[in-house]
Every structure is written in C-alpha cells, then in structure tokens.
Amino acid sequence: MKKILLVDDSALMRRVLSDIINSDKRFHIEKEAKNGLEALEILRTETFDGVVLDVNMPKMDGIELLRALASEGISARILMASTLTMDGAKVTLDALELGALDFIHKPEWSYKCKENNFDKELLDTLYAVCNAKLKSVAKVKPVTRRTIEIQTGVEQLVRKKAASITGNRLVAIAISTGGPKSLQSVIPFLPEDLNAPVVIVQHMPVGFTESLAQRMDAISRIAVSEAKEGEVLENGHVYIARGGQHLKLVKSGRGSRVHYSDEPPREGVKPSANYMYESLSDSGYDEIICVVMTGMGSDGTEGIRNLKLNKKVYCISQEKNSCIVYGMPKAADKAGITDESVELGNIAQEIILHVGVMQNGC
C-alpha cells in the first residue's frame, strides 16, 4: 500500500481527496498538511510514496515548497493538484520544472470531485507518480542556450555523418508523465537545420501545450510551436500537438499538414499518439522515426506496430533507467517494435543521425 502525504489548505477538500484516495486499496493517506510550511517540516524527517500538493496556500504555497525541497536536497514524488492548473499553465510548468512529476486539475468546488471521472484520473495519475523513478530535485538547473552550446560538441561529430543522409523523413515523438522536463534534454539539442519536421504528442489538457511550446522555443535553436490547424509541416521545425484534441497528419505532397479531431479519447488520453501514428500510414515520407519516451500506459505501441506494416519505420524507445515512468517505452519494448533503446541524453543525437541536416539551407 502506497503511503501518501496530502497537502491542501482547505479542510473540506482534504476530506474529499482523502476519501477518494483511501477508497483505493493501493493507497493510504498517512499524513495531511494545510500549507507548504507544514509539509516541509514533515518531509524533512519522513518519506512517502507520493505527495499530492496544492498550489495556492497561505504561508508557503506549492511552488515555494518545491523550491525549498530543491534547496535542501529533499526528494519526493509529487503530483500537483490545484484549481490553478486549469488556467495557470505557467504555474503548472514551473512546478514540473521544479520537480513535480505530473499534475491534475482539481475542481474548484469539492462536490465536483465526483464528476467527469476526476476520481479515476486522480487515482491513475497518482499510481503512476508513486511508481515513478525517484530523482533528486536538488540544485535545479534549467536548460539555457549556454548549457546547450557547452553540450553540443558531440553534435559536430554527428553532423559529419548526418550530412550525407538523403530522403524525406519525419520524426514523431510520443511522451507523457515526466515529458515537459524530459523534452528539455532532447529538443534544445536539435539543430535548426534538421532535415525533417518533428511532431510531438505530449499528454496534456487544453491550454497547456501552447505554453510548453513557447518555453521550449525560448531555449532551443530549432523552432518550436503548437501545431496549428491546416499548416504544412516544414523541416527544421518542432510541432507540439494541441492539448485536448487528436492530431491527424494528412498527406500533402511528400509531406503532411495538420488536422485536428475532437473524437473521444483513445485509451483514456487526448491527444493520442496511436491516433497520430495511424494517420501516417498513407503519408509520403520515405521513413518515419518514431520515438517513445517516458510516460504511463502504452500509448504509441499499437500505432507504431500498425504503421510498420505500411511504412519504413525506425523506432527509438527511451532506455528504462533514464525514464521517469517506464511505461510507454516498456510497452514498445515488450511488443518487439523497438529498434533501439536510447538513454535520454542521447536521443537528440540519434534523431540527427537518422534524419540528417539540410544542405545549403534548403
């Protein structure tokens, strides 16, 4: 049974969340705290399998607690659960960068916690967080252009081989729990002249993917944006699927253009990587590089399996020990569709090796 620390300033919300969590035999609320300061005192001496953390609290809010934990070198598996996460994409991304593993939108009113499958989403996400690889959140160092320049010496060696690659290729990434942080070890290290477009399906609700794209664009050499309806994919550009809708790539010449669908979730997620991969079956690409990264569940596996029946596909899965949650890559590995398992820090150079760089700026 997983031991949980619940941190929320509302006594009513604590009771409601406790009832939901304790109703599942996998969990038990061991302790509660009504603000970040109380939680910090507890976490200094006790460990838990998971922490459910509110954002907006008196004395010390959730973001301040994450910074305090980082400063003191205290590691914890943290799930953010706050009403701020629906409209506060910036706050949520701050929390993920500071060490929170995932987030869930908590209804503004406690009685709504019984609606829209909130209880199932909370329990499923909490289970993934409790089983995530525990990494220290101490000494958080955000990726900057300077750190990218320092770490790209290996790229020069990779480029020599990549420059000889020809053909029309696409990179398609599937990622979930731990994604926003893990993508910082991949996207900023792709060159602006990458000889392929990159499409990312990151499991996030509506309103968050645009902020994620903006943050990634600010620290990357390659252009990053949220994919827009109808736009044609271009080489040297990263497109993040819009949260809350399925991304379908429609054939356009030898490439693709973006089309969104409001169909029901697939395997409980929307956007769905399976949906995106399946849409590429009749695409005009010579080869599709599929990358399956950290996340719970198996989204991406079935889509890639089917895609391999119709297209030339090279599948890269994130290596187990570098995953925050070894769920999606594990499913791909177990299904036998993985061509190469790669540590997180090497994924960017493997992408470059397989798609190459544009010659003479074209």
Protein backbone atom coordinates (compact mmCIF):
# COMPACT_ATOMS: atom_id res chain seq x y z
CA MET A 1 0.00 0.00 0.00
CA LYS A 2 1.39 3.40 -1.03
CA LYS A 3 1.80 5.98 1.72
CA ILE A 4 0.54 9.43 0.69
CA LEU A 5 1.06 12.92 2.11
CA LEU A 6 -1.84 15.25 1.25
CA VAL A 7 -1.14 18.99 1.25
CA ASP A 8 -4.12 21.36 0.85
CA ASP A 9 -5.27 24.42 2.78
CA SER A 10 -8.97 23.51 2.52
CA ALA A 11 -10.17 21.13 5.23
CA LEU A 12 -13.17 20.18 3.09
CA MET A 13 -11.03 19.46 0.05
CA ARG A 14 -8.61 17.42 2.17
CA ARG A 15 -11.53 15.29 3.37
CA VAL A 16 -12.88 14.79 -0.14
CA LEU A 17 -9.49 13.91 -1.61
CA SER A 18 -8.71 11.63 1.33
CA ASP A 19 -11.97 9.75 0.79
CA ILE A 20 -11.16 9.24 -2.90
CA ILE A 21 -7.56 8.16 -2.30
CA ASN A 22 -8.34 5.91 0.68
CA SER A 23 -11.14 4.22 -1.29
CA ASP A 24 -8.44 2.59 -3.42
CA LYS A 25 -6.63 -0.28 -1.69
CA ARG A 26 -3.41 0.76 -3.37
CA PHE A 27 -3.15 3.94 -1.27
CA HIS A 28 -3.47 5.31 2.21
CA ILE A 29 -3.29 8.93 3.39
CA GLU A 30 -0.62 8.73 6.09
CA LYS A 31 -0.46 12.44 6.91
CA GLU A 32 -2.01 15.75 5.96
CA ALA A 33 -0.67 19.31 5.91
CA LYS A 34 -2.57 22.55 5.38
CA ASN A 35 0.29 24.50 3.79
CA GLY A 36 3.74 24.09 2.34
CA LEU A 37 5.49 25.03 5.57
CA GLU A 38 3.84 22.17 7.45
CA ALA A 39 4.60 19.81 4.58
CA LEU A 40 8.27 20.85 4.54
CA GLU A 41 8.63 20.05 8.24
CA ILE A 42 7.10 16.62 7.64
CA LEU A 43 9.22 15.86 4.57
CA ARG A 44 12.40 16.75 6.42
CA THR A 45 12.00 13.66 8.59
CA GLU A 46 9.58 11.32 6.80
CA THR A 47 9.31 9.75 3.40
CA PHE A 48 6.19 8.93 1.40
CA ASP A 49 5.45 7.05 -1.79
CA GLY A 50 3.63 10.09 -3.13
CA VAL A 51 2.70 13.68 -2.28
CA VAL A 52 -0.50 15.30 -3.53
CA LEU A 53 0.27 19.02 -3.48
CA ASP A 54 -1.99 22.06 -3.81
CA VAL A 55 -0.57 25.24 -5.36
CA ASN A 56 -2.36 28.17 -3.77
CA MET A 57 -1.86 28.05 0.02
CA PRO A 58 -1.00 30.53 2.81
CA LYS A 59 2.42 30.80 4.49
CA MET A 60 4.12 28.67 1.84
CA ASP A 61 2.47 27.75 -1.46
CA GLY A 62 3.19 24.71 -3.61
CA ILE A 63 5.79 26.38 -5.81
CA GLU A 64 7.65 27.72 -2.78
CA LEU A 65 7.63 24.24 -1.25
CA LEU A 66 9.15 22.75 -4.40
CA ARG A 67 11.91 25.36 -4.32
CA ALA A 68 12.54 24.65 -0.63
CA LEU A 69 12.77 20.91 -1.28
CA ALA A 70 15.24 21.55 -4.10
CA SER A 71 17.31 23.85 -1.89
CA GLU A 72 17.51 21.29 0.89
CA GLY A 73 18.07 18.31 -1.40
CA ILE A 74 14.87 16.52 -0.37
CA SER A 75 13.43 14.16 -2.97
CA ALA A 76 9.73 13.39 -3.23
CA ARG A 77 7.33 12.06 -5.84
CA ILE A 78 4.93 14.95 -6.23
CA LEU A 79 1.58 15.20 -8.00
CA MET A 80 0.29 18.77 -8.34
CA ALA A 81 -3.47 19.01 -7.78
CA SER A 82 -4.88 22.51 -7.91
CA THR A 83 -7.62 24.61 -9.41
CA LEU A 84 -4.83 26.85 -10.68
CA THR A 85 -3.66 24.20 -13.09
CA MET A 86 -6.58 24.71 -15.48
CA ASP A 87 -5.91 28.39 -16.18
CA GLY A 88 -2.42 28.58 -14.75
CA ALA A 89 -0.36 26.77 -17.37
CA LYS A 90 2.70 28.82 -16.42
CA VAL A 91 2.39 27.83 -12.76
CA THR A 92 1.98 24.18 -13.73
CA LEU A 93 5.03 24.18 -15.98
CA ASP A 94 7.01 25.93 -13.23
CA ALA A 95 6.03 23.11 -10.89
CA LEU A 96 7.06 20.42 -13.39
CA GLU A 97 10.41 22.11 -13.96
CA LEU A 98 10.95 22.30 -10.20
CA GLY A 99 10.50 18.58 -9.71
CA ALA A 100 6.78 17.74 -9.69
CA LEU A 101 6.22 14.61 -11.76
CA ASP A 102 2.70 15.27 -13.03
CA PHE A 103 -0.39 17.36 -12.43
CA ILE A 104 -4.14 17.05 -12.30
CA HIS A 105 -6.84 19.69 -12.48
CA LYS A 106 -8.69 19.72 -9.16
CA PRO A 107 -12.28 21.02 -9.47
CA GLU A 108 -12.81 24.42 -7.90
CA TRP A 109 -15.66 23.09 -5.77
CA SER A 110 -15.30 19.91 -3.71
CA TYR A 111 -18.66 18.44 -4.79
CA LYS A 112 -17.45 18.43 -8.40
CA CYS A 113 -14.71 15.94 -7.49
CA LYS A 114 -17.30 13.22 -8.14
CA GLU A 115 -17.88 14.42 -11.69
CA ASN A 116 -16.17 13.88 -15.06
CA ASN A 117 -14.18 10.86 -13.86
CA PHE A 118 -11.99 13.06 -11.67
CA ASP A 119 -11.59 10.28 -9.11
CA LYS A 120 -10.33 7.77 -11.70
CA GLU A 121 -7.94 10.30 -13.23
CA LEU A 122 -6.59 11.20 -9.80
CA LEU A 123 -6.04 7.58 -8.77
CA ASP A 124 -4.48 6.51 -12.08
CA THR A 125 -2.13 9.50 -12.18
CA LEU A 126 -1.21 9.12 -8.52
CA TYR A 127 -0.36 5.47 -9.09
CA ALA A 128 1.98 6.41 -11.94
CA VAL A 129 3.62 9.10 -9.81
CA CYS A 130 4.09 6.71 -6.87
CA ASN A 131 5.84 4.23 -9.16
CA ALA A 132 7.96 6.82 -10.93
CA LYS A 133 11.73 6.78 -10.70
CA LEU A 134 12.66 8.92 -7.71
CA LYS A 135 15.15 11.61 -8.66
CA SER A 136 16.54 14.35 -6.51
CA VAL A 137 15.04 17.77 -7.14
CA ALA A 138 18.04 19.48 -5.57
CA LYS A 139 20.04 22.09 -7.41
CA VAL A 140 17.58 22.58 -10.22
CA LYS A 141 19.42 23.97 -13.24
CA PRO A 142 17.12 24.95 -16.08
CA VAL A 143 18.39 24.43 -19.60
CA THR A 144 19.74 27.60 -21.20
CA ARG A 145 21.27 28.36 -24.58
CA ARG A 146 24.67 28.44 -22.86
CA THR A 147 24.31 24.91 -21.48
CA ILE A 148 23.23 23.76 -24.93
CA GLU A 149 26.35 25.26 -26.52
CA ILE A 150 28.58 23.56 -23.95
CA GLN A 151 26.99 20.14 -24.51
CA THR A 152 26.81 20.15 -28.30
CA GLY A 153 30.41 19.22 -29.04
CA VAL A 154 29.26 15.72 -29.90
CA GLU A 155 26.84 17.18 -32.44
CA GLN A 156 29.71 18.25 -34.69
CA LEU A 157 30.80 14.63 -34.98
CA VAL A 158 27.23 13.50 -35.58
CA ARG A 159 26.69 16.14 -38.28
CA LYS A 160 29.53 14.78 -40.42
CA LYS A 161 27.63 11.55 -40.87
CA ALA A 162 24.18 13.16 -40.90
CA ALA A 163 25.13 15.48 -43.77
CA SER A 164 25.21 12.52 -46.17
CA ILE A 165 21.65 11.36 -45.39
CA THR A 166 19.06 11.92 -48.11
CA GLY A 167 15.33 11.26 -48.37
CA ASN A 168 12.12 12.59 -46.95
CA ARG A 169 11.73 11.83 -43.25
CA LEU A 170 9.57 12.68 -40.25
CA VAL A 171 10.26 12.40 -36.52
CA ALA A 172 7.18 11.54 -34.41
CA ILE A 173 7.52 11.55 -30.61
CA ALA A 174 5.11 10.07 -28.05
CA ILE A 175 5.56 11.17 -24.43
CA SER A 176 3.54 11.53 -21.23
CA THR A 177 4.39 11.59 -17.49
CA GLY A 178 7.66 13.46 -16.97
CA GLY A 179 7.51 14.78 -20.51
CA PRO A 180 7.93 18.56 -20.13
CA LYS A 181 11.14 18.10 -18.15
CA SER A 182 12.48 15.22 -20.25
CA LEU A 183 11.90 17.09 -23.52
CA GLN A 184 14.39 19.69 -22.30
CA SER A 185 17.08 17.03 -22.74
CA VAL A 186 16.08 16.45 -26.36
CA ILE A 187 14.51 19.35 -28.25
CA PRO A 188 17.03 22.12 -27.39
CA PHE A 189 19.80 19.87 -28.74
CA LEU A 190 18.28 19.53 -32.21
CA PRO A 191 19.85 21.84 -34.83
CA GLU A 192 17.85 24.49 -36.64
CA ASP A 193 18.74 22.83 -39.97
CA LEU A 194 17.39 19.39 -39.04
CA ASN A 195 16.35 17.69 -42.26
CA ALA A 196 12.89 16.69 -41.03
CA PRO A 197 9.89 18.06 -39.16
CA VAL A 198 9.36 16.83 -35.60
CA VAL A 199 5.86 16.18 -34.25
CA ILE A 200 5.25 15.62 -30.54
CA VAL A 201 2.19 14.16 -28.85
CA GLN A 202 2.52 15.09 -25.17
CA HIS A 203 -0.39 14.05 -22.98
CA MET A 204 -1.71 17.37 -21.69
CA PRO A 205 -5.14 19.01 -21.45
CA VAL A 206 -6.18 22.01 -23.49
CA GLY A 207 -4.40 25.25 -22.64
CA PHE A 208 -1.03 23.82 -21.62
CA THR A 209 0.66 22.80 -24.85
CA GLU A 210 0.96 26.35 -26.18
CA SER A 211 2.84 27.41 -23.04
CA LEU A 212 5.02 24.31 -23.28
CA ALA A 213 5.86 25.12 -26.90
CA GLN A 214 6.72 28.72 -26.05
CA ARG A 215 9.06 27.65 -23.26
CA MET A 216 10.75 25.07 -25.44
CA ASP A 217 11.15 27.56 -28.29
CA ALA A 218 12.83 30.06 -25.96
CA ILE A 219 15.64 27.63 -25.10
CA SER A 220 16.04 25.87 -28.45
CA ARG A 221 17.84 26.61 -31.70
CA ILE A 222 15.23 24.69 -33.68
CA ALA A 223 11.85 26.47 -33.97
CA VAL A 224 9.12 25.08 -31.68
CA SER A 225 5.40 25.86 -31.78
CA GLU A 226 2.00 24.40 -31.04
CA ALA A 227 0.76 22.82 -34.29
CA LYS A 228 -1.93 24.91 -36.00
CA GLU A 229 -4.89 23.57 -37.95
CA GLY A 230 -4.07 23.29 -41.66
CA GLU A 231 -0.39 24.19 -41.53
CA VAL A 232 2.06 22.18 -43.63
CA LEU A 233 4.93 20.61 -41.72
CA GLU A 234 8.36 22.01 -42.54
CA ASN A 235 11.85 20.66 -41.95
CA GLY A 236 13.75 22.22 -39.06
CA HIS A 237 10.60 22.81 -37.01
CA VAL A 238 9.10 21.09 -33.96
CA TYR A 239 5.30 20.90 -33.69
CA ILE A 240 3.58 20.06 -30.39
CA ALA A 241 0.06 18.64 -30.72
CA ARG A 242 -2.62 20.83 -29.17
CA GLY A 243 -3.87 19.55 -25.82
CA GLY A 244 -7.40 18.19 -25.64
CA GLN A 245 -7.62 17.27 -29.36
CA HIS A 246 -6.34 14.43 -31.53
CA LEU A 247 -3.70 15.31 -34.09
CA LYS A 248 -4.06 13.77 -37.53
CA LEU A 249 -1.38 14.26 -40.16
CA VAL A 250 -2.94 14.45 -43.61
CA LYS A 251 -0.87 13.74 -46.73
CA SER A 252 0.21 16.87 -48.57
CA GLY A 253 2.57 16.13 -51.47
CA ARG A 254 5.55 14.30 -50.00
CA GLY A 255 4.79 15.74 -46.57
CA SER A 256 1.85 16.38 -44.26
CA ARG A 257 -0.45 19.06 -42.99
CA VAL A 258 -2.11 19.32 -39.60
CA HIS A 259 -5.72 18.40 -38.95
CA TYR A 260 -7.37 18.22 -35.53
CA SER A 261 -10.20 15.94 -34.48
CA ASP A 262 -12.49 16.16 -31.47
CA GLU A 263 -13.17 12.42 -31.35
CA PRO A 264 -13.36 10.73 -27.91
CA PRO A 265 -10.13 9.93 -26.01
CA ARG A 266 -8.17 6.84 -27.03
CA GLU A 267 -7.01 4.63 -24.16
CA GLY A 268 -8.00 7.49 -21.86
CA VAL A 269 -5.81 10.14 -23.50
CA LYS A 270 -6.36 13.04 -25.86
CA PRO A 271 -4.25 13.74 -27.86
CA SER A 272 -3.38 10.13 -28.58
CA ALA A 273 -0.05 9.05 -30.05
CA ASN A 274 -1.70 5.96 -31.52
CA TYR A 275 -4.12 8.20 -33.41
CA MET A 276 -1.24 10.29 -34.76
CA TYR A 277 0.88 7.30 -35.79
CA GLU A 278 -2.03 5.60 -37.55
CA SER A 279 -2.67 8.74 -39.60
CA LEU A 280 0.81 8.39 -41.12
CA SER A 281 0.08 5.06 -42.86
CA ASP A 282 -0.55 6.72 -46.23
CA SER A 283 1.89 9.60 -45.80
CA GLY A 284 4.52 10.45 -48.39
CA TYR A 285 7.55 10.09 -46.13
CA ASP A 286 10.36 7.73 -47.10
CA GLU A 287 10.93 6.87 -43.45
CA ILE A 288 9.35 7.77 -40.11
CA ILE A 289 11.47 7.90 -36.97
CA CYS A 290 9.18 7.06 -34.05
CA VAL A 291 10.42 7.98 -30.56
CA VAL A 292 8.62 6.64 -27.48
CA MET A 293 9.58 8.41 -24.28
CA THR A 294 8.68 8.44 -20.57
CA GLY A 295 5.04 8.01 -19.63
CA MET A 296 2.48 5.71 -18.09
CA GLY A 297 0.39 3.35 -20.17
CA SER A 298 1.07 2.01 -23.64
CA ASP A 299 0.04 4.83 -25.97
CA GLY A 300 2.04 4.68 -29.18
CA THR A 301 2.75 0.96 -29.29
CA GLU A 302 -0.28 -0.14 -31.30
CA GLY A 303 0.01 2.80 -33.65
CA ILE A 304 3.67 2.11 -34.41
CA ARG A 305 3.01 -1.63 -34.80
CA ASN A 306 0.35 -0.89 -37.44
CA LEU A 307 2.47 1.81 -39.07
CA LYS A 308 5.33 -0.67 -39.57
CA LEU A 309 3.02 -2.75 -41.75
CA ASN A 310 2.76 0.07 -44.31
CA LYS A 311 5.80 2.32 -43.95
CA LYS A 312 9.52 2.17 -43.33
CA VAL A 313 9.77 2.91 -39.61
CA TYR A 314 12.67 3.12 -37.17
CA CYS A 315 11.51 3.04 -33.55
CA ILE A 316 13.61 4.50 -30.74
CA SER A 317 12.47 3.92 -27.16
CA GLN A 318 13.82 5.74 -24.14
CA GLU A 319 16.07 3.50 -22.05
CA LYS A 320 14.48 2.25 -18.82
CA ASN A 321 16.82 3.82 -16.26
CA SER A 322 16.51 7.30 -17.77
CA CYS A 323 12.68 7.23 -17.76
CA ILE A 324 10.69 8.90 -15.03
CA VAL A 325 7.96 6.36 -15.78
CA TYR A 326 8.98 3.31 -17.79
CA GLY A 327 5.51 2.59 -19.10
CA MET A 328 5.16 3.64 -22.72
CA PRO A 329 8.74 2.63 -23.68
CA LYS A 330 8.28 -0.67 -21.81
CA ALA A 331 5.14 -1.41 -23.85
CA ALA A 332 7.04 -0.73 -27.08
CA ASP A 333 9.99 -2.88 -25.97
CA LYS A 334 7.73 -5.73 -24.86
CA ALA A 335 5.81 -5.64 -28.16
CA GLY A 336 9.07 -6.08 -30.07
CA ILE A 337 8.67 -2.90 -32.14
CA THR A 338 11.73 -1.12 -30.68
CA ASP A 339 14.73 -0.94 -33.00
CA GLU A 340 16.96 0.84 -30.50
CA SER A 341 16.76 1.71 -26.79
CA VAL A 342 18.49 5.00 -26.04
CA GLU A 343 19.37 6.88 -22.86
CA LEU A 344 17.57 10.23 -22.58
CA GLY A 345 20.68 12.34 -23.11
CA ASN A 346 21.47 10.57 -26.40
CA ILE A 347 18.06 10.74 -28.07
CA ALA A 348 18.75 14.05 -29.84
CA GLN A 349 21.93 12.82 -31.49
CA GLU A 350 20.21 9.60 -32.58
CA ILE A 351 17.48 11.67 -34.23
CA ILE A 352 20.11 13.74 -36.05
CA LEU A 353 21.90 10.58 -37.18
CA HIS A 354 18.71 9.15 -38.68
CA VAL A 355 17.29 12.21 -40.44
CA GLY A 356 20.35 14.30 -41.25
CA VAL A 357 20.70 18.05 -41.72
CA MET A 358 19.62 20.28 -44.58
CA GLN A 359 22.20 21.10 -47.19
CA ASN A 360 22.87 24.73 -48.16
CA GLY A 361 19.96 25.92 -46.05
CA CYS A 362 17.32 24.00 -48.01
